[in-house]
Amino acid sequence: MFGEKKSFEDGTNLALGTPFQEEFTTRVLPWYTPAEAKGTHNWRENLSKLRIRFDNFIDEHCATECFLIQSLIPQSGEVPQRPPGILPDRKLLCSGPGLRREPARLFGIPTPNAALFPMMNVRGEPFLEPDGKPMPFKLGLNRQVTVLAMPDGLRPLPIPRFTELLGDGKNVLFQLPLEISGKIWRNWQSGFSQRNAQFLWLDALFEMSWQCARGSLFHTERYAWIENGSVGLSGKGLFPRLPGFITSTPGKFAPHENGYPRAFYSKITDVARASIAAIDEIIESATGDVNTRTARSETKSDMKQGESSPKNSVFISYSHKDKKFLNDLLTHLKPFERSGQLTAWSDKQIEPGSKWFAEIQNAISRTKVAVLLVTAHFLASNFINEHELAPILKRAEEEGVRVLWIPVRDCSYKETPIGRYQAIVPPDKPLAEMKAERDKAWVKICKEIKNAIAT
């Protein structure tokens, strides 16, 4: 079978397109069936509140990454114990079971089905029919979820904040209407037990990320592994398969069951950012009514009138830990915006449901002046460094974009490329240390921004 190119129904030994019925299995109640989801009237509000909390989490706590390991049921033969990529400097936050599915015997509709190969039981013996032919069979699965913190020396570990967010995320998932729950749980149409579902939010993140197109900020892959090697898997179902060149090659690169790896792993590198992207995806997918689409279209149209032209666009980069200073800057810039002299842009302009990463990239690409609110939190942010500061400085060198930076708090700015640019106010007297003279400093800052736009 290894050398043959066949397509199988997900997790079975049946040819693709074969109709079948699963045998009845015991369900651990309470049971959740996505196709029967009712939804609550305030699900959108609760989801938006959860997004804000994940947004605040990014700057208040160190980043977290998550590994999901899925193993087959029944399990025969050796199974790799630890996937590659878990670094020693990580700190374990929590670990426990994810979703589980029981294996099942399959029955043909309306005639008996013919299995293409035997599945193995826990002793490595084939499941066979009384006549000795392979039994039509659907695999089960076990999931183990592990969350690791990435200490950075500046932000505290997210304990117990992280587990609180996971609990609230789980509750919101059960509030979603049918059309949304059906998309998230497209691989779980027969449902799952709500018992021991403390990591359900993470299960949902993985389920959604596997469906995203490659290149998306939210996409993640699934890998089979042995020792320190791994190979990407194909398919978007619950049971991805090893590529043909692996299953047709002698050896033990990755233990598998006729192409189904006995275990695979998947990794989300930043749970908070993935959660924000997932929430935006959910909200955007629910904006199918005419009124919502019209309002969004009008909002984008209004934004384009002042923002689409690079002649007066000002991009503001800041750490969410320093929102107070962003709000002060936006307040002082308001008269210049009303008179049409400039348009200030920060991620506060991004609506829930928008592609926030794409919105940021678009804003950077069209800006003429970039304003940086520099603090230790700003310098410590990997996202700011990679996705905002780096492209801004590149455009400054290649296209002449003006970079104006504001020393908000004392920090090690001289150790970064920011040190090559002149600050608007003296770095030895950052804004946070000013009192009565702070408003005068803001007036000077706004004048410098206006002059930079005019040149």
Protein backbone atom coordinates (compact mmCIF):
# COMPACT_ATOMS: atom_id res chain seq x y z
CA MET A 1 0.00 0.00 0.00
CA PHE A 2 2.88 2.41 0.76
CA GLY A 3 3.82 2.92 -2.87
CA GLU A 4 0.27 3.47 -4.11
CA LYS A 5 -1.23 6.92 -4.53
CA LYS A 6 -4.69 6.72 -2.98
CA SER A 7 -6.93 9.20 -1.23
CA PHE A 8 -8.64 8.08 1.94
CA GLU A 9 -11.55 9.32 4.00
CA ASP A 10 -10.03 11.23 6.91
CA GLY A 11 -8.70 8.86 9.55
CA THR A 12 -10.11 5.71 7.93
CA ASN A 13 -9.04 2.83 5.72
CA LEU A 14 -11.79 3.62 3.20
CA ALA A 15 -11.38 5.21 -0.22
CA LEU A 16 -12.29 8.90 -0.48
CA GLY A 17 -15.98 9.41 -1.19
CA THR A 18 -17.13 6.18 0.49
CA PRO A 19 -20.33 6.75 2.51
CA PHE A 20 -20.25 5.17 5.95
CA GLN A 21 -21.87 5.19 9.37
CA GLU A 22 -19.95 5.00 12.64
CA GLU A 23 -20.88 2.50 15.29
CA PHE A 24 -22.47 3.94 18.41
CA THR A 25 -19.93 4.82 21.09
CA THR A 26 -20.40 5.89 24.69
CA ARG A 27 -20.49 9.66 25.06
CA VAL A 28 -19.20 11.39 28.17
CA LEU A 29 -21.84 14.01 28.95
CA PRO A 30 -22.37 16.95 28.66
CA TRP A 31 -21.90 16.68 24.89
CA TYR A 32 -21.42 19.59 22.49
CA THR A 33 -22.54 19.31 18.87
CA PRO A 34 -21.55 22.27 16.63
CA ALA A 35 -24.51 21.65 14.27
CA GLU A 36 -26.88 22.24 17.20
CA ALA A 37 -25.24 25.42 18.50
CA LYS A 38 -27.83 28.05 19.45
CA GLY A 39 -25.61 31.02 20.21
CA THR A 40 -26.29 33.86 22.64
CA HIS A 41 -27.33 37.43 21.84
CA ASN A 42 -24.16 38.93 23.39
CA TRP A 43 -21.52 36.57 21.93
CA ARG A 44 -19.99 39.32 19.79
CA GLU A 45 -19.67 41.67 22.76
CA ASN A 46 -18.06 38.97 24.90
CA LEU A 47 -15.67 38.04 22.10
CA SER A 48 -14.65 41.68 21.62
CA LYS A 49 -13.99 42.02 25.36
CA LEU A 50 -11.83 38.90 25.21
CA ARG A 51 -9.86 40.44 22.35
CA ILE A 52 -9.13 43.54 24.41
CA ARG A 53 -7.86 41.38 27.26
CA PHE A 54 -5.54 39.42 24.96
CA ASP A 55 -4.40 42.74 23.50
CA ASN A 56 -3.49 44.04 26.97
CA PHE A 57 -1.87 40.71 27.80
CA ILE A 58 0.78 41.21 25.09
CA ASP A 59 2.53 44.07 26.88
CA GLU A 60 1.65 43.19 30.46
CA HIS A 61 3.09 39.66 30.44
CA CYS A 62 5.84 37.74 28.69
CA ALA A 63 4.92 35.84 25.52
CA THR A 64 3.62 32.26 25.55
CA GLU A 65 3.92 29.47 23.01
CA CYS A 66 1.87 26.30 22.80
CA PHE A 67 2.57 22.76 21.59
CA LEU A 68 -0.19 20.33 20.70
CA ILE A 69 0.67 16.65 20.37
CA GLN A 70 -1.92 14.33 18.84
CA SER A 71 -1.53 10.55 19.00
CA LEU A 72 -3.60 7.80 17.41
CA ILE A 73 -6.03 5.50 19.17
CA PRO A 74 -5.41 2.57 19.16
CA GLN A 75 -1.67 3.00 19.51
CA SER A 76 0.55 0.23 18.22
CA GLY A 77 4.33 0.17 18.17
CA GLU A 78 6.75 2.83 19.29
CA VAL A 79 5.76 6.47 19.52
CA PRO A 80 8.14 9.46 19.70
CA GLN A 81 8.01 10.96 23.18
CA ARG A 82 9.14 14.55 22.73
CA PRO A 83 8.89 16.72 19.61
CA PRO A 84 11.80 18.94 18.55
CA GLY A 85 11.72 22.69 19.06
CA ILE A 86 11.08 22.87 22.83
CA LEU A 87 13.89 25.12 24.02
CA PRO A 88 15.44 24.78 27.50
CA ASP A 89 14.94 28.45 28.42
CA ARG A 90 11.15 28.07 28.35
CA LYS A 91 9.14 27.84 31.55
CA LEU A 92 6.21 25.43 31.81
CA LEU A 93 2.95 27.25 32.50
CA CYS A 94 0.40 24.46 32.15
CA SER A 95 -0.15 21.14 30.47
CA GLY A 96 -3.09 18.80 30.12
CA PRO A 97 -5.43 16.89 27.82
CA GLY A 98 -7.02 18.50 24.79
CA LEU A 99 -9.91 17.06 22.80
CA ARG A 100 -10.32 13.29 22.48
CA ARG A 101 -12.13 11.10 19.96
CA GLU A 102 -12.92 7.42 20.35
CA PRO A 103 -12.09 4.96 17.55
CA ALA A 104 -15.04 3.37 15.77
CA ARG A 105 -15.98 0.47 13.54
CA LEU A 106 -17.63 1.63 10.30
CA PHE A 107 -20.69 0.30 8.49
CA GLY A 108 -21.53 0.76 4.82
CA ILE A 109 -24.42 2.81 3.47
CA PRO A 110 -26.39 1.08 2.01
CA THR A 111 -24.09 -1.88 1.28
CA PRO A 112 -21.08 -3.20 3.25
CA ASN A 113 -17.84 -1.26 2.79
CA ALA A 114 -14.53 -2.78 1.72
CA ALA A 115 -11.52 -1.64 3.75
CA LEU A 116 -8.34 -1.10 1.74
CA PHE A 117 -5.91 -2.12 4.48
CA PRO A 118 -6.07 -3.38 8.08
CA MET A 119 -5.77 -1.07 11.08
CA MET A 120 -3.74 -2.33 14.02
CA ASN A 121 -4.86 -2.74 17.62
CA VAL A 122 -2.70 -1.85 20.64
CA ARG A 123 -0.90 -5.20 20.35
CA GLY A 124 -0.05 -4.54 16.71
CA GLU A 125 -2.56 -7.11 15.47
CA PRO A 126 -4.89 -6.27 12.54
CA PHE A 127 -8.59 -5.59 13.02
CA LEU A 128 -10.29 -8.19 10.83
CA GLU A 129 -13.84 -9.19 9.90
CA PRO A 130 -14.99 -12.79 10.59
CA ASP A 131 -14.11 -13.64 6.97
CA GLY A 132 -10.53 -12.45 7.52
CA LYS A 133 -10.84 -9.24 5.49
CA PRO A 134 -9.74 -5.85 6.97
CA MET A 135 -12.43 -4.23 9.09
CA PRO A 136 -13.60 -0.76 7.98
CA PHE A 137 -12.32 1.37 10.80
CA LYS A 138 -11.98 4.99 11.91
CA LEU A 139 -9.09 6.01 14.14
CA GLY A 140 -9.49 7.83 17.42
CA LEU A 141 -7.17 10.43 18.87
CA ASN A 142 -5.70 11.79 22.08
CA ARG A 143 -4.39 15.33 22.42
CA GLN A 144 -1.93 16.75 24.92
CA VAL A 145 -1.50 20.52 25.17
CA THR A 146 1.57 22.19 26.69
CA VAL A 147 1.92 25.95 27.21
CA LEU A 148 5.37 27.46 27.77
CA ALA A 149 6.31 30.98 28.83
CA MET A 150 9.20 32.82 27.19
CA PRO A 151 10.76 34.93 29.99
CA ASP A 152 12.26 38.21 28.76
CA GLY A 153 13.42 39.73 32.05
CA LEU A 154 11.03 42.67 31.75
CA ARG A 155 7.51 41.31 31.94
CA PRO A 156 6.18 38.92 34.59
CA LEU A 157 4.94 35.39 33.98
CA PRO A 158 1.21 35.33 33.12
CA ILE A 159 0.08 33.46 36.23
CA PRO A 160 -2.86 33.18 36.87
CA ARG A 161 -3.90 35.57 34.07
CA PHE A 162 -3.32 33.05 31.30
CA THR A 163 -5.53 30.30 32.71
CA GLU A 164 -8.28 32.86 33.35
CA LEU A 165 -8.19 33.88 29.68
CA LEU A 166 -8.35 30.24 28.58
CA GLY A 167 -11.39 29.67 30.79
CA ASP A 168 -13.21 32.71 29.43
CA GLY A 169 -12.24 31.75 25.89
CA LYS A 170 -13.79 28.32 26.39
CA ASN A 171 -17.02 29.88 27.65
CA VAL A 172 -17.25 32.21 24.63
CA LEU A 173 -16.79 29.28 22.24
CA PHE A 174 -19.98 27.69 23.60
CA GLN A 175 -21.84 31.00 23.03
CA LEU A 176 -21.15 31.18 19.28
CA PRO A 177 -23.98 30.71 16.74
CA LEU A 178 -24.20 27.67 14.49
CA GLU A 179 -22.72 29.27 11.35
CA ILE A 180 -19.53 30.16 13.23
CA SER A 181 -19.17 27.09 15.44
CA GLY A 182 -19.62 24.92 12.34
CA LYS A 183 -16.62 26.59 10.69
CA ILE A 184 -14.37 26.35 13.72
CA TRP A 185 -15.26 22.73 14.43
CA ARG A 186 -15.57 21.59 10.81
CA ASN A 187 -13.55 18.48 11.72
CA TRP A 188 -15.77 17.72 14.73
CA GLN A 189 -19.26 17.67 13.24
CA SER A 190 -20.29 14.77 15.48
CA GLY A 191 -19.24 16.83 18.49
CA PHE A 192 -17.14 16.29 21.59
CA SER A 193 -17.44 16.03 25.36
CA GLN A 194 -17.40 19.25 27.37
CA ARG A 195 -15.86 17.37 30.29
CA ASN A 196 -12.21 18.30 30.99
CA ALA A 197 -12.26 20.98 28.28
CA GLN A 198 -10.07 23.52 30.10
CA PHE A 199 -7.83 23.87 27.01
CA LEU A 200 -10.67 24.09 24.47
CA TRP A 201 -9.65 27.62 23.43
CA LEU A 202 -6.24 26.27 22.40
CA ASP A 203 -7.86 23.37 20.52
CA ALA A 204 -9.92 25.96 18.63
CA LEU A 205 -6.83 28.04 17.80
CA PHE A 206 -5.12 25.03 16.29
CA GLU A 207 -8.23 23.93 14.40
CA MET A 208 -8.54 27.39 12.83
CA SER A 209 -4.83 27.86 12.13
CA TRP A 210 -4.61 24.57 10.21
CA GLN A 211 -7.30 25.82 7.84
CA CYS A 212 -5.52 29.14 7.12
CA ALA A 213 -3.55 29.53 3.92
CA ARG A 214 0.22 29.32 4.06
CA GLY A 215 1.75 32.76 4.47
CA SER A 216 -0.97 33.93 6.84
CA LEU A 217 0.28 35.26 10.16
CA PHE A 218 -2.16 32.87 11.85
CA HIS A 219 -1.22 29.72 9.90
CA THR A 220 0.65 26.84 11.51
CA GLU A 221 1.75 23.46 10.19
CA ARG A 222 1.58 19.90 11.52
CA TYR A 223 4.66 17.70 11.69
CA ALA A 224 5.54 14.07 12.32
CA TRP A 225 8.89 13.58 14.00
CA ILE A 226 11.50 11.11 15.14
CA GLU A 227 14.46 12.10 17.26
CA ASN A 228 15.48 15.61 16.05
CA GLY A 229 13.95 15.39 12.58
CA SER A 230 10.47 16.26 11.38
CA VAL A 231 8.43 16.28 8.20
CA GLY A 232 5.40 18.34 7.23
CA LEU A 233 2.06 16.57 6.86
CA SER A 234 -0.62 17.00 4.20
CA GLY A 235 -4.38 17.41 4.51
CA LYS A 236 -6.68 19.64 6.57
CA GLY A 237 -8.63 16.94 8.38
CA LEU A 238 -8.08 15.61 11.89
CA PHE A 239 -5.72 12.94 10.59
CA PRO A 240 -3.11 14.43 8.22
CA ARG A 241 -0.94 12.03 6.27
CA LEU A 242 2.76 11.63 5.66
CA PRO A 243 3.97 12.49 2.16
CA GLY A 244 4.22 9.57 -0.26
CA PHE A 245 8.00 9.61 -0.45
CA ILE A 246 8.17 8.88 3.29
CA THR A 247 5.67 6.02 3.37
CA SER A 248 7.18 4.42 0.29
CA THR A 249 10.76 4.54 1.62
CA PRO A 250 12.05 1.70 3.80
CA GLY A 251 13.16 2.64 7.28
CA LYS A 252 11.71 4.23 10.41
CA PHE A 253 11.77 7.93 9.68
CA ALA A 254 8.37 8.44 11.30
CA PRO A 255 6.28 5.61 12.81
CA HIS A 256 2.95 5.50 10.99
CA GLU A 257 -0.20 3.48 10.37
CA ASN A 258 -0.42 3.12 6.60
CA GLY A 259 0.48 6.76 6.13
CA TYR A 260 -1.18 8.15 9.26
CA PRO A 261 1.63 9.17 11.67
CA ARG A 262 1.22 7.62 15.11
CA ALA A 263 1.83 11.06 16.55
CA PHE A 264 2.22 14.58 15.23
CA TYR A 265 2.87 17.97 16.77
CA SER A 266 1.91 21.53 15.98
CA LYS A 267 3.13 24.79 17.50
CA ILE A 268 1.63 28.25 18.00
CA THR A 269 4.48 30.66 18.60
CA ASP A 270 2.49 33.41 20.33
CA VAL A 271 -0.83 32.43 21.89
CA ALA A 272 -2.02 35.98 22.59
CA ARG A 273 -1.43 37.24 19.03
CA ALA A 274 -2.91 34.08 17.56
CA SER A 275 -5.97 34.58 19.77
CA ILE A 276 -6.41 38.15 18.52
CA ALA A 277 -6.09 36.98 14.91
CA ALA A 278 -8.62 34.19 15.55
CA ILE A 279 -11.12 36.57 17.15
CA ASP A 280 -10.76 38.98 14.22
CA GLU A 281 -11.33 36.08 11.84
CA ILE A 282 -14.48 35.01 13.71
CA ILE A 283 -15.94 38.52 13.85
CA GLU A 284 -15.13 39.17 10.19
CA SER A 285 -16.77 35.92 9.13
CA ALA A 286 -19.94 36.97 10.92
CA THR A 287 -20.28 40.35 9.19
CA GLY A 288 -22.51 39.09 6.40
CA ASP A 289 -25.49 41.35 7.01
CA VAL A 290 -25.94 44.38 4.78
CA ASN A 291 -25.92 46.96 7.56
CA THR A 292 -22.62 45.80 8.99
CA ARG A 293 -20.99 45.64 5.57
CA THR A 294 -22.25 49.11 4.69
CA ALA A 295 -21.02 50.59 7.96
CA ARG A 296 -17.61 49.01 7.49
CA SER A 297 -17.42 50.22 3.90
CA GLU A 298 -18.30 53.76 4.98
CA THR A 299 -15.75 53.69 7.76
CA LYS A 300 -13.01 52.54 5.39
CA SER A 301 -14.08 55.18 2.89
CA ASP A 302 -13.82 57.89 5.55
CA MET A 303 -10.40 56.64 6.56
CA LYS A 304 -9.16 56.63 2.98
CA GLN A 305 -10.07 60.29 2.53
CA GLY A 306 -7.47 61.28 5.10
CA GLU A 307 -5.12 58.32 5.15
CA SER A 308 -4.71 56.93 1.65
CA SER A 309 -2.38 59.75 0.57
CA PRO A 310 1.20 59.45 1.91
CA LYS A 311 1.52 63.25 1.81
CA ASN A 312 0.05 63.80 5.27
CA SER A 313 0.07 60.35 6.91
CA VAL A 314 1.74 59.94 10.31
CA PHE A 315 2.32 56.41 11.63
CA ILE A 316 2.60 56.15 15.43
CA SER A 317 4.43 53.14 16.85
CA TYR A 318 4.11 52.47 20.57
CA SER A 319 3.91 49.76 23.21
CA HIS A 320 0.44 49.07 24.55
CA LYS A 321 1.97 49.43 27.99
CA ASP A 322 2.32 53.16 27.15
CA LYS A 323 -1.24 53.81 25.93
CA LYS A 324 -1.54 56.86 28.18
CA PHE A 325 1.17 58.69 26.22
CA LEU A 326 -0.36 57.66 22.91
CA ASN A 327 -3.67 59.14 24.01
CA ASP A 328 -1.91 62.38 25.04
CA LEU A 329 -0.21 62.63 21.64
CA LEU A 330 -3.44 61.99 19.75
CA THR A 331 -5.18 64.67 21.82
CA HIS A 332 -2.53 67.28 21.01
CA LEU A 333 -2.57 66.33 17.31
CA LYS A 334 -6.34 66.74 17.01
CA PRO A 335 -6.31 70.42 15.90
CA PHE A 336 -3.86 69.55 13.10
CA GLU A 337 -6.10 66.69 11.97
CA ARG A 338 -9.23 68.87 11.96
CA SER A 339 -7.49 71.44 9.77
CA GLY A 340 -6.45 68.70 7.34
CA GLN A 341 -2.71 69.21 7.85
CA LEU A 342 -2.07 65.59 8.81
CA THR A 343 -3.69 62.26 9.63
CA ALA A 344 -2.40 60.36 12.66
CA TRP A 345 -2.57 56.57 12.47
CA SER A 346 -2.11 54.04 15.26
CA ASP A 347 -3.45 50.54 15.74
CA LYS A 348 -6.37 52.08 17.65
CA GLN A 349 -7.84 52.75 14.20
CA ILE A 350 -8.07 49.01 13.44
CA GLU A 351 -11.66 47.76 13.77
CA PRO A 352 -12.45 44.36 15.26
CA GLY A 353 -12.71 41.90 12.41
CA SER A 354 -10.08 43.65 10.29
CA LYS A 355 -6.83 41.95 9.33
CA TRP A 356 -4.79 43.82 11.95
CA PHE A 357 -1.36 42.71 10.71
CA ALA A 358 -2.19 43.67 7.12
CA GLU A 359 -3.63 47.00 8.33
CA ILE A 360 -0.36 47.82 10.13
CA GLN A 361 1.73 46.89 7.08
CA ASN A 362 -0.50 49.01 4.85
CA ALA A 363 -0.25 52.01 7.19
CA ILE A 364 3.56 51.77 7.29
CA SER A 365 3.76 51.50 3.49
CA ARG A 366 1.84 54.75 2.95
CA THR A 367 3.24 56.91 5.77
CA LYS A 368 5.51 59.91 5.27
CA VAL A 369 6.41 60.43 8.92
CA ALA A 370 6.86 57.76 11.58
CA VAL A 371 6.64 58.75 15.25
CA LEU A 372 8.09 56.37 17.85
CA LEU A 373 7.07 56.49 21.52
CA VAL A 374 10.23 54.94 22.96
CA THR A 375 10.35 53.16 26.32
CA ALA A 376 11.89 49.94 27.63
CA HIS A 377 8.62 48.19 26.78
CA PHE A 378 8.81 49.53 23.23
CA LEU A 379 12.37 48.23 22.81
CA ALA A 380 11.49 44.86 24.39
CA SER A 381 8.59 44.15 22.06
CA ASN A 382 9.57 41.55 19.46
CA PHE A 383 6.54 42.42 17.36
CA ILE A 384 7.41 46.14 17.24
CA ASN A 385 11.05 45.37 16.46
CA GLU A 386 10.30 42.92 13.64
CA HIS A 387 7.08 44.22 12.09
CA GLU A 388 7.06 47.97 12.76
CA LEU A 389 10.53 49.35 13.53
CA ALA A 390 12.41 47.28 10.93
CA PRO A 391 10.20 48.25 7.95
CA ILE A 392 10.05 51.87 9.13
CA LEU A 393 13.85 52.18 9.28
CA LYS A 394 14.15 50.43 5.92
CA ARG A 395 11.78 52.95 4.33
CA ALA A 396 13.70 55.76 6.04
CA GLU A 397 16.94 54.64 4.38
CA GLU A 398 15.51 53.77 0.96
CA GLU A 399 12.60 56.20 0.52
CA GLY A 400 13.34 59.10 2.83
CA VAL A 401 10.56 58.53 5.36
CA ARG A 402 11.10 60.86 8.33
CA VAL A 403 11.61 59.15 11.68
CA LEU A 404 10.79 61.21 14.78
CA TRP A 405 11.22 59.55 18.12
CA ILE A 406 10.00 60.67 21.50
CA PRO A 407 11.84 59.60 24.68
CA VAL A 408 8.94 58.69 26.93
CA ARG A 409 10.89 56.85 29.63
CA ASP A 410 14.57 56.15 30.27
CA CYS A 411 15.71 53.13 28.26
CA SER A 412 18.71 51.71 26.39
CA TYR A 413 17.87 53.34 23.06
CA LYS A 414 21.60 53.83 22.27
CA GLU A 415 21.91 50.06 21.84
CA THR A 416 19.41 50.14 18.97
CA PRO A 417 19.27 51.77 15.51
CA ILE A 418 17.02 54.45 17.04
CA GLY A 419 20.15 56.02 18.51
CA ARG A 420 21.17 57.18 15.02
CA TYR A 421 18.17 59.52 14.87
CA GLN A 422 17.69 62.75 16.79
CA ALA A 423 14.99 62.81 19.45
CA ILE A 424 12.34 65.54 19.35
CA VAL A 425 12.89 66.32 23.05
CA PRO A 426 16.13 65.73 25.01
CA PRO A 427 16.49 62.04 26.00
CA ASP A 428 17.94 63.05 29.38
CA LYS A 429 14.52 64.53 30.27
CA PRO A 430 11.94 62.00 29.02
CA LEU A 431 8.23 62.85 29.08
CA ALA A 432 7.44 60.58 32.03
CA GLU A 433 9.70 62.72 34.24
CA MET A 434 8.02 65.98 33.22
CA LYS A 435 5.14 67.51 35.12
CA ALA A 436 3.99 71.08 34.45
CA GLU A 437 6.21 71.38 31.36
CA ARG A 438 4.86 68.24 29.68
CA ASP A 439 2.14 70.09 27.74
CA LYS A 440 4.80 72.47 26.37
CA ALA A 441 6.78 69.43 25.26
CA TRP A 442 3.72 68.01 23.47
CA VAL A 443 3.18 71.33 21.68
CA LYS A 444 6.81 71.27 20.49
CA ILE A 445 6.45 67.63 19.40
CA CYS A 446 3.31 68.36 17.36
CA LYS A 447 5.04 71.34 15.71
CA GLU A 448 7.96 69.10 14.70
CA ILE A 449 5.56 66.51 13.28
CA LYS A 450 3.71 69.24 11.33
CA ASN A 451 7.01 70.58 9.94
CA ALA A 452 8.12 67.08 8.93
CA ILE A 453 4.86 66.60 7.03
CA ALA A 454 5.25 69.96 5.28
CA THR A 455 8.80 69.30 4.01
